[in-house]
Amino acid sequence: MRTYVAIAALVVSAASFAQFHQYNGPIHTASIDLSGGVTSQADVNAWVYDNTTTFTGYAMTVPAADDLSMTGSGYLDMYKIGYSSPTVTSCVTHIWDLHTGNYLGGFQVDGLNAGAWIYTITVAPTLHVSDYILFSQEYSATGAGALIFDPPTIGSSQDYLLDMSANQWVSFGGNPVANLYTAVHVVPEPGTIATLVVGMVGLLSLRRRK
């Protein structure tokens, strides 16, 4: 498994039209549960990254990965991917910690529909992710790739992507901004949950005093 280091000093090349294309058709939605019936016992879960609002009209045609600066860390229990594919495809998602460069783990989803689709995928909350990760979407069908959305509404991402087929960082020069359709949902750290609970108790106490 490849290791990726901090990306601040990486060389970024201009993307070619072989790496992305325009898409103006319909985008469908679906969901898949890979959790095996395991559900989180946490009282508070959170979306820590969300780039699912504004479609740029473009999609990748090669496997790609995006850097995600998220608003928190925790155990990943749900994520969203969006893609365009000429045929039925599979998607392998790999996740690296960009603080350390270490590979964290990944997921595979098979039997994804042809066309342009957005999938919400639920998984067992066993993979711990930091607040700064590299998140890949690698589709098996030739010509398939992630939809390009921007800007994120939760968290942030820089204006470049990793072309996994060439192991090269690329940018579109801001048109479109190089961010993949992605959302990440986690079970927050126990300390974070405790802090939220204490805060809620404090607010209730203030309301009662009033």
Protein backbone atom coordinates (compact mmCIF):
# COMPACT_ATOMS: atom_id res chain seq x y z
CA MET A 1 0.00 0.00 0.00
CA ARG A 2 1.37 3.39 -0.97
CA THR A 3 2.24 5.92 1.72
CA TYR A 4 1.46 9.60 1.27
CA VAL A 5 3.23 12.32 3.21
CA ALA A 6 2.21 15.87 4.06
CA ILE A 7 1.17 17.55 0.80
CA ALA A 8 2.09 21.18 1.35
CA ALA A 9 5.28 20.97 -0.76
CA LEU A 10 4.06 18.63 -3.52
CA VAL A 11 4.36 19.57 -7.19
CA VAL A 12 0.93 20.06 -8.79
CA SER A 13 0.50 19.63 -12.56
CA ALA A 14 -2.23 20.89 -14.86
CA ALA A 15 -4.93 18.29 -15.46
CA SER A 16 -5.54 17.07 -19.01
CA PHE A 17 -8.90 16.35 -20.66
CA ALA A 18 -8.01 12.65 -20.44
CA GLN A 19 -8.53 12.93 -16.68
CA PHE A 20 -11.98 14.57 -16.58
CA HIS A 21 -15.01 15.33 -18.71
CA GLN A 22 -18.19 17.38 -18.68
CA TYR A 23 -21.42 15.78 -17.50
CA ASN A 24 -24.86 17.35 -17.91
CA GLY A 25 -27.19 14.39 -17.32
CA PRO A 26 -29.28 13.35 -14.32
CA ILE A 27 -27.72 12.33 -11.01
CA HIS A 28 -29.48 9.57 -9.07
CA THR A 29 -29.27 8.71 -5.35
CA ALA A 30 -29.13 5.42 -3.45
CA SER A 31 -27.80 3.95 -0.21
CA ILE A 32 -25.94 0.80 0.86
CA ASP A 33 -25.54 -0.65 4.35
CA LEU A 34 -22.23 -2.46 4.87
CA SER A 35 -22.42 -2.33 8.66
CA GLY A 36 -23.72 -5.88 9.04
CA GLY A 37 -26.41 -4.60 11.38
CA VAL A 38 -23.86 -2.93 13.68
CA THR A 39 -25.05 0.51 14.71
CA SER A 40 -23.26 3.15 16.70
CA GLN A 41 -24.07 3.35 20.41
CA ALA A 42 -22.98 6.98 20.59
CA ASP A 43 -25.61 9.60 21.37
CA VAL A 44 -23.99 12.21 19.17
CA ASN A 45 -22.68 11.63 15.63
CA ALA A 46 -21.41 14.27 13.23
CA TRP A 47 -20.72 15.10 9.62
CA VAL A 48 -17.13 16.35 9.75
CA TYR A 49 -16.72 16.93 6.01
CA ASP A 50 -19.38 17.67 3.40
CA ASN A 51 -18.83 18.59 -0.24
CA THR A 52 -22.18 17.50 -1.66
CA THR A 53 -24.02 20.72 -2.47
CA THR A 54 -22.79 22.32 -5.71
CA PHE A 55 -22.04 20.26 -8.82
CA THR A 56 -19.47 21.84 -11.16
CA GLY A 57 -20.64 19.95 -14.24
CA TYR A 58 -17.49 17.82 -14.41
CA ALA A 59 -16.47 14.28 -13.47
CA MET A 60 -13.15 12.47 -13.28
CA THR A 61 -12.37 9.65 -15.72
CA VAL A 62 -9.51 8.19 -13.64
CA PRO A 63 -9.22 7.00 -10.01
CA ALA A 64 -8.63 10.04 -7.79
CA ALA A 65 -8.11 11.07 -4.19
CA ASP A 66 -8.83 14.33 -2.36
CA ASP A 67 -7.32 15.90 0.75
CA LEU A 68 -9.99 16.51 3.41
CA SER A 69 -9.48 18.97 6.26
CA MET A 70 -12.32 17.94 8.54
CA THR A 71 -13.91 19.58 11.55
CA GLY A 72 -13.25 16.62 13.85
CA SER A 73 -11.96 13.07 14.17
CA GLY A 74 -13.57 9.83 15.29
CA TYR A 75 -14.78 6.43 14.09
CA LEU A 76 -16.10 6.58 10.55
CA ASP A 77 -19.62 5.15 10.36
CA MET A 78 -20.96 6.68 7.15
CA TYR A 79 -19.64 8.29 3.98
CA LYS A 80 -20.92 9.53 0.64
CA ILE A 81 -19.46 9.11 -2.83
CA GLY A 82 -20.62 10.39 -6.19
CA TYR A 83 -19.51 9.20 -9.63
CA SER A 84 -20.21 8.88 -13.33
CA SER A 85 -19.69 5.49 -14.99
CA PRO A 86 -20.57 4.07 -18.43
CA THR A 87 -21.17 0.59 -16.95
CA VAL A 88 -21.85 -1.14 -13.64
CA THR A 89 -18.80 -0.59 -11.44
CA SER A 90 -17.15 -1.17 -8.09
CA CYS A 91 -15.59 1.47 -5.87
CA VAL A 92 -12.62 0.97 -3.57
CA THR A 93 -12.07 3.74 -1.06
CA HIS A 94 -8.70 4.09 0.66
CA ILE A 95 -7.95 6.49 3.51
CA TRP A 96 -4.58 7.85 4.63
CA ASP A 97 -3.77 10.06 7.62
CA LEU A 98 -2.13 13.17 6.19
CA HIS A 99 -0.70 14.15 9.57
CA THR A 100 1.48 11.03 9.58
CA GLY A 101 1.30 9.60 6.04
CA ASN A 102 0.04 6.30 7.44
CA TYR A 103 -2.55 4.17 5.67
CA LEU A 104 -5.67 3.81 7.84
CA GLY A 105 -7.89 1.40 5.92
CA GLY A 106 -10.62 1.32 3.33
CA PHE A 107 -13.86 -0.09 1.98
CA GLN A 108 -15.08 -1.79 -1.19
CA VAL A 109 -18.56 -1.47 -2.66
CA ASP A 110 -19.56 -3.69 -5.61
CA GLY A 111 -22.45 -3.61 -8.05
CA LEU A 112 -22.79 0.18 -8.32
CA ASN A 113 -25.18 1.30 -11.04
CA ALA A 114 -24.16 2.68 -14.43
CA GLY A 115 -24.76 6.39 -14.98
CA ALA A 116 -24.24 9.20 -12.49
CA TRP A 117 -25.02 8.24 -8.92
CA ILE A 118 -24.63 9.47 -5.36
CA TYR A 119 -24.40 6.73 -2.72
CA THR A 120 -24.66 7.03 1.05
CA ILE A 121 -22.75 4.10 2.55
CA THR A 122 -23.09 2.96 6.16
CA VAL A 123 -20.27 0.94 7.74
CA ALA A 124 -19.47 -0.46 11.17
CA PRO A 125 -17.68 2.26 13.21
CA THR A 126 -14.34 0.47 13.54
CA LEU A 127 -12.03 2.68 11.43
CA HIS A 128 -10.64 5.67 13.33
CA VAL A 129 -9.85 8.73 11.19
CA SER A 130 -8.00 11.90 12.09
CA ASP A 131 -9.18 15.38 11.09
CA TYR A 132 -6.86 15.53 8.04
CA ILE A 133 -7.07 12.64 5.58
CA LEU A 134 -6.55 11.63 1.97
CA PHE A 135 -9.74 9.97 0.69
CA SER A 136 -9.65 8.03 -2.58
CA GLN A 137 -12.41 6.92 -4.95
CA GLU A 138 -11.14 4.19 -7.29
CA TYR A 139 -13.76 2.86 -9.72
CA SER A 140 -13.25 -0.38 -11.63
CA ALA A 141 -15.04 0.55 -14.86
CA THR A 142 -12.98 2.17 -17.61
CA GLY A 143 -13.83 5.87 -17.87
CA ALA A 144 -15.58 5.95 -14.48
CA GLY A 145 -14.67 8.60 -11.95
CA ALA A 146 -15.84 10.77 -9.10
CA LEU A 147 -18.09 13.79 -9.63
CA ILE A 148 -16.44 17.15 -9.00
CA PHE A 149 -18.29 19.38 -6.52
CA ASP A 150 -17.27 22.68 -4.88
CA PRO A 151 -17.21 24.32 -2.39
CA PRO A 152 -17.39 22.15 0.75
CA THR A 153 -20.00 23.29 3.27
CA ILE A 154 -18.29 21.50 6.18
CA GLY A 155 -14.49 21.34 6.34
CA SER A 156 -12.21 22.34 3.47
CA SER A 157 -10.02 20.94 0.69
CA GLN A 158 -7.23 22.42 -1.39
CA ASP A 159 -7.49 23.01 -5.14
CA TYR A 160 -5.83 19.81 -6.34
CA LEU A 161 -6.49 16.08 -6.61
CA LEU A 162 -4.31 12.99 -6.71
CA ASP A 163 -4.61 11.13 -10.01
CA MET A 164 -4.20 7.58 -8.66
CA SER A 165 -3.52 6.14 -12.12
CA ALA A 166 -0.45 8.35 -12.61
CA ASN A 167 0.41 8.94 -8.93
CA GLN A 168 0.41 12.66 -9.73
CA TRP A 169 -1.21 15.69 -8.08
CA VAL A 170 -3.28 17.69 -10.59
CA SER A 171 -5.31 20.89 -10.70
CA PHE A 172 -7.76 22.38 -13.20
CA GLY A 173 -6.51 25.91 -12.60
CA GLY A 174 -9.60 26.76 -10.59
CA ASN A 175 -12.09 25.91 -13.35
CA PRO A 176 -13.41 23.72 -11.89
CA VAL A 177 -11.95 23.75 -8.40
CA ALA A 178 -10.50 20.28 -7.86
CA ASN A 179 -12.67 18.79 -5.12
CA LEU A 180 -14.46 15.42 -5.28
CA TYR A 181 -18.02 14.74 -4.17
CA THR A 182 -17.41 13.38 -0.68
CA ALA A 183 -18.95 13.46 2.78
CA VAL A 184 -17.61 11.85 5.96
CA HIS A 185 -19.64 11.09 9.09
CA VAL A 186 -18.04 9.94 12.35
CA VAL A 187 -18.81 8.87 15.87
CA PRO A 188 -16.90 11.58 17.79
CA GLU A 189 -14.19 10.84 20.32
CA PRO A 190 -15.53 9.96 23.81
CA GLY A 191 -14.02 13.19 25.14
CA THR A 192 -15.84 15.20 22.50
CA ILE A 193 -19.13 13.55 23.37
CA ALA A 194 -18.58 14.25 27.08
CA THR A 195 -17.86 17.90 26.32
CA LEU A 196 -21.06 18.20 24.27
CA VAL A 197 -23.11 16.55 27.02
CA VAL A 198 -21.64 18.88 29.68
CA GLY A 199 -22.41 21.86 27.47
CA MET A 200 -26.00 20.74 27.01
CA VAL A 201 -26.41 20.24 30.74
CA GLY A 202 -25.03 23.73 31.32
CA LEU A 203 -27.49 25.27 28.87
CA LEU A 204 -30.39 23.47 30.54
CA SER A 205 -29.25 24.74 33.94
CA LEU A 206 -29.15 28.32 32.68
CA ARG A 207 -32.64 28.02 31.21
CA ARG A 208 -34.01 26.70 34.51
CA ARG A 209 -32.47 29.60 36.43
CA LYS A 210 -34.12 32.06 34.12
